[in-house]
Protein backbone atom coordinates (compact mmCIF):
# COMPACT_ATOMS: atom_id res chain seq x y z
CA MET A 1 -13.02 -15.84 8.01
CA GLU A 2 -9.54 -15.47 6.57
CA PRO A 3 -7.91 -12.07 6.16
CA ILE A 4 -7.69 -10.54 2.70
CA LEU A 5 -3.98 -10.24 1.93
CA ASN A 6 -1.95 -7.97 -0.33
CA LYS A 7 0.59 -10.54 -1.52
CA LYS A 8 2.08 -8.26 -4.16
CA ALA A 9 3.00 -5.70 -1.49
CA LEU A 10 4.98 -8.28 0.48
CA HIS A 11 6.83 -9.23 -2.70
CA ASP A 12 7.58 -5.69 -3.93
CA TYR A 13 8.19 -3.92 -0.61
CA GLU A 14 10.19 -4.37 2.57
CA VAL A 15 7.92 -3.72 5.56
CA LEU A 16 9.58 -1.41 8.09
CA ASN A 17 6.68 -1.04 10.53
CA LYS A 18 3.04 -2.12 10.85
CA LEU A 19 -0.03 -0.38 12.28
CA GLU A 20 -3.64 -1.50 12.68
CA ALA A 21 -6.39 0.93 11.68
CA GLY A 22 -10.16 0.75 11.65
CA LEU A 23 -12.09 1.09 8.39
CA ILE A 24 -15.16 3.30 7.93
CA LEU A 25 -17.50 1.21 5.79
CA ALA A 26 -21.15 1.01 4.85
CA GLY A 27 -23.03 -2.09 6.02
CA HIS A 28 -23.16 -3.73 2.61
CA GLU A 29 -19.39 -3.19 2.17
CA ALA A 30 -18.66 -5.01 5.44
CA LYS A 31 -20.82 -7.93 4.32
CA SER A 32 -19.04 -8.02 0.97
CA ILE A 33 -15.64 -8.13 2.72
CA ARG A 34 -16.86 -11.00 4.94
CA ASN A 35 -17.76 -12.89 1.75
CA GLY A 36 -14.28 -12.27 0.33
CA GLY A 37 -15.37 -9.57 -2.10
CA ALA A 38 -12.44 -7.21 -1.63
CA THR A 39 -9.04 -6.91 -3.30
CA LEU A 40 -6.04 -4.90 -2.15
CA LYS A 41 -4.18 -5.16 -5.45
CA GLY A 42 -2.88 -1.75 -6.47
CA SER A 43 -4.23 0.01 -3.39
CA TYR A 44 -2.30 2.62 -1.45
CA ILE A 45 -2.82 5.10 1.38
CA THR A 46 -2.89 8.89 1.18
CA ILE A 47 -2.95 11.61 3.82
CA LYS A 48 -5.35 14.51 3.15
CA ASN A 49 -6.51 17.23 5.56
CA SER A 50 -5.28 15.34 8.65
CA GLY A 51 -7.18 12.22 7.57
CA ILE A 52 -5.88 8.90 6.28
CA PHE A 53 -7.64 7.44 3.20
CA THR A 54 -7.27 4.29 1.13
CA GLN A 55 -7.20 4.66 -2.64
CA ASN A 56 -8.02 1.90 -5.17
CA LEU A 57 -9.29 -0.48 -2.47
CA SER A 58 -11.83 -2.45 -4.46
CA ILE A 59 -14.84 -3.79 -2.55
CA SER A 60 -17.32 -5.46 -4.86
CA ARG A 61 -21.04 -4.77 -4.58
CA TYR A 62 -22.87 -7.02 -2.12
CA LYS A 63 -25.30 -9.06 -4.17
CA TYR A 64 -28.27 -8.53 -1.82
CA ALA A 65 -27.72 -4.78 -1.38
CA SER A 66 -30.36 -2.47 -2.82
CA ILE A 67 -27.89 0.32 -3.61
CA THR A 68 -27.95 1.45 -7.24
CA ASP A 69 -25.04 3.84 -7.80
CA TYR A 70 -22.10 2.19 -6.06
CA ASP A 71 -18.43 3.02 -6.68
CA PRO A 72 -16.33 -0.01 -5.64
CA LYS A 73 -13.07 1.98 -5.60
CA ARG A 74 -14.20 5.03 -3.64
CA PRO A 75 -11.73 6.43 -1.07
CA ARG A 76 -12.37 5.03 2.41
CA GLN A 77 -11.25 6.73 5.59
CA LEU A 78 -9.14 4.95 8.20
CA LEU A 79 -9.55 5.42 11.94
CA LEU A 80 -6.28 6.24 13.70
CA SER A 81 -5.28 8.28 16.73
CA LYS A 82 -3.72 11.73 16.29
CA LYS A 83 -0.36 10.36 17.39
CA GLU A 84 -0.49 7.62 14.74
CA ILE A 85 -1.53 10.11 12.04
CA GLU A 86 1.40 12.39 12.92
CA TYR A 87 3.75 9.39 12.86
CA LEU A 88 2.48 8.30 9.42
CA THR A 89 2.78 11.87 8.09
CA SER A 90 6.40 12.10 9.24
CA GLN A 91 7.22 8.68 7.75
CA GLU A 92 5.56 9.47 4.40
CA ASN A 93 7.70 12.60 4.01
CA GLN A 94 10.88 10.50 4.06
CA LYS A 95 12.43 9.63 0.72
CA GLY A 96 11.66 6.15 -0.61
CA VAL A 97 9.02 5.35 2.01
CA THR A 98 5.41 4.58 1.15
CA ILE A 99 2.36 3.48 3.12
CA ILE A 100 0.55 0.40 1.83
CA PRO A 101 -2.37 -1.72 3.10
CA LEU A 102 -1.16 -5.24 3.92
CA ASP A 103 -4.40 -6.98 4.89
CA ILE A 104 -8.03 -6.56 5.91
CA HIS A 105 -9.39 -8.61 8.78
CA PHE A 106 -12.17 -8.52 11.37
CA LYS A 107 -11.49 -8.04 15.07
CA ASN A 108 -14.49 -8.18 17.43
CA ASN A 109 -16.79 -7.73 14.40
CA PHE A 110 -15.04 -4.51 13.34
CA ALA A 111 -13.23 -4.27 10.01
CA LYS A 112 -9.53 -3.55 10.55
CA MET A 113 -6.74 -2.90 8.09
CA THR A 114 -3.09 -3.62 8.76
CA ILE A 115 -1.05 -0.90 7.09
CA GLY A 116 2.67 -1.08 6.52
CA ILE A 117 5.30 1.59 6.28
CA CYS A 118 7.34 0.15 3.43
CA ARG A 119 10.41 0.72 1.31
CA GLY A 120 10.56 -0.63 -2.25
CA LYS A 121 12.76 -3.64 -2.99
CA LYS A 122 15.27 -3.72 -5.80
CA LEU A 123 15.14 -6.56 -8.33
CA TYR A 124 18.02 -8.45 -6.71
CA ASP A 125 16.29 -8.21 -3.30
CA LYS A 126 13.21 -9.84 -4.80
CA ARG A 127 15.35 -12.63 -6.25
CA VAL A 128 17.04 -13.24 -2.89
CA THR A 129 13.65 -13.42 -1.17
CA LEU A 130 12.32 -15.94 -3.71
CA LYS A 131 15.48 -18.06 -3.44
CA LYS A 132 15.29 -18.06 0.36
CA LYS A 133 11.62 -19.07 0.21
CA ALA A 134 12.43 -21.94 -2.18
CA ASP A 135 15.32 -23.11 0.03
CA ASP A 136 13.11 -23.06 3.14
CA LEU A 137 10.49 -25.12 1.34
CA GLU A 138 13.12 -27.63 0.22
CA ILE A 139 14.43 -27.96 3.80
CA LYS A 140 10.89 -28.42 5.09
CA HIS A 141 10.24 -31.23 2.58
CA ALA A 142 13.56 -32.91 3.43
CA LEU A 143 12.82 -32.82 7.17
CA LYS A 144 9.34 -34.19 6.59
CA LYS A 145 10.75 -37.05 4.50
CA PHE A 146 13.51 -37.73 7.07
CA ASN A 147 11.09 -37.85 10.03
CA ARG A 148 8.84 -40.52 8.49
């Protein structure tokens, strides 16, 4: 099973630090994630009442679930230690810093989310990143052709 990535976040933000957190899910939500039924597009993380929650994390309804009234974008709580929660709270209070989910993966059959403490990129930073990526790809193709 491949992790579900937030590609837009890596394009729009510079990742300063990463943390891994557990996700509190219902059984049918975990099955839906295993089938690739989740998207991180537009999702973000909030801190409320000493708890960390994801907002706009869309997990589609599992097709064999018998649940009738299901909200795919409900807030889901993350499992972190007190020390990590305090660290995230202090980082969120800094100017220009935001907390964003980077991917969802399974570790020992538990759903985990990699969250990033990020700073937004300017337009020219995005251009530099795209140019560097294109140059690296060009070098890779040239080396592959040369080594034949």
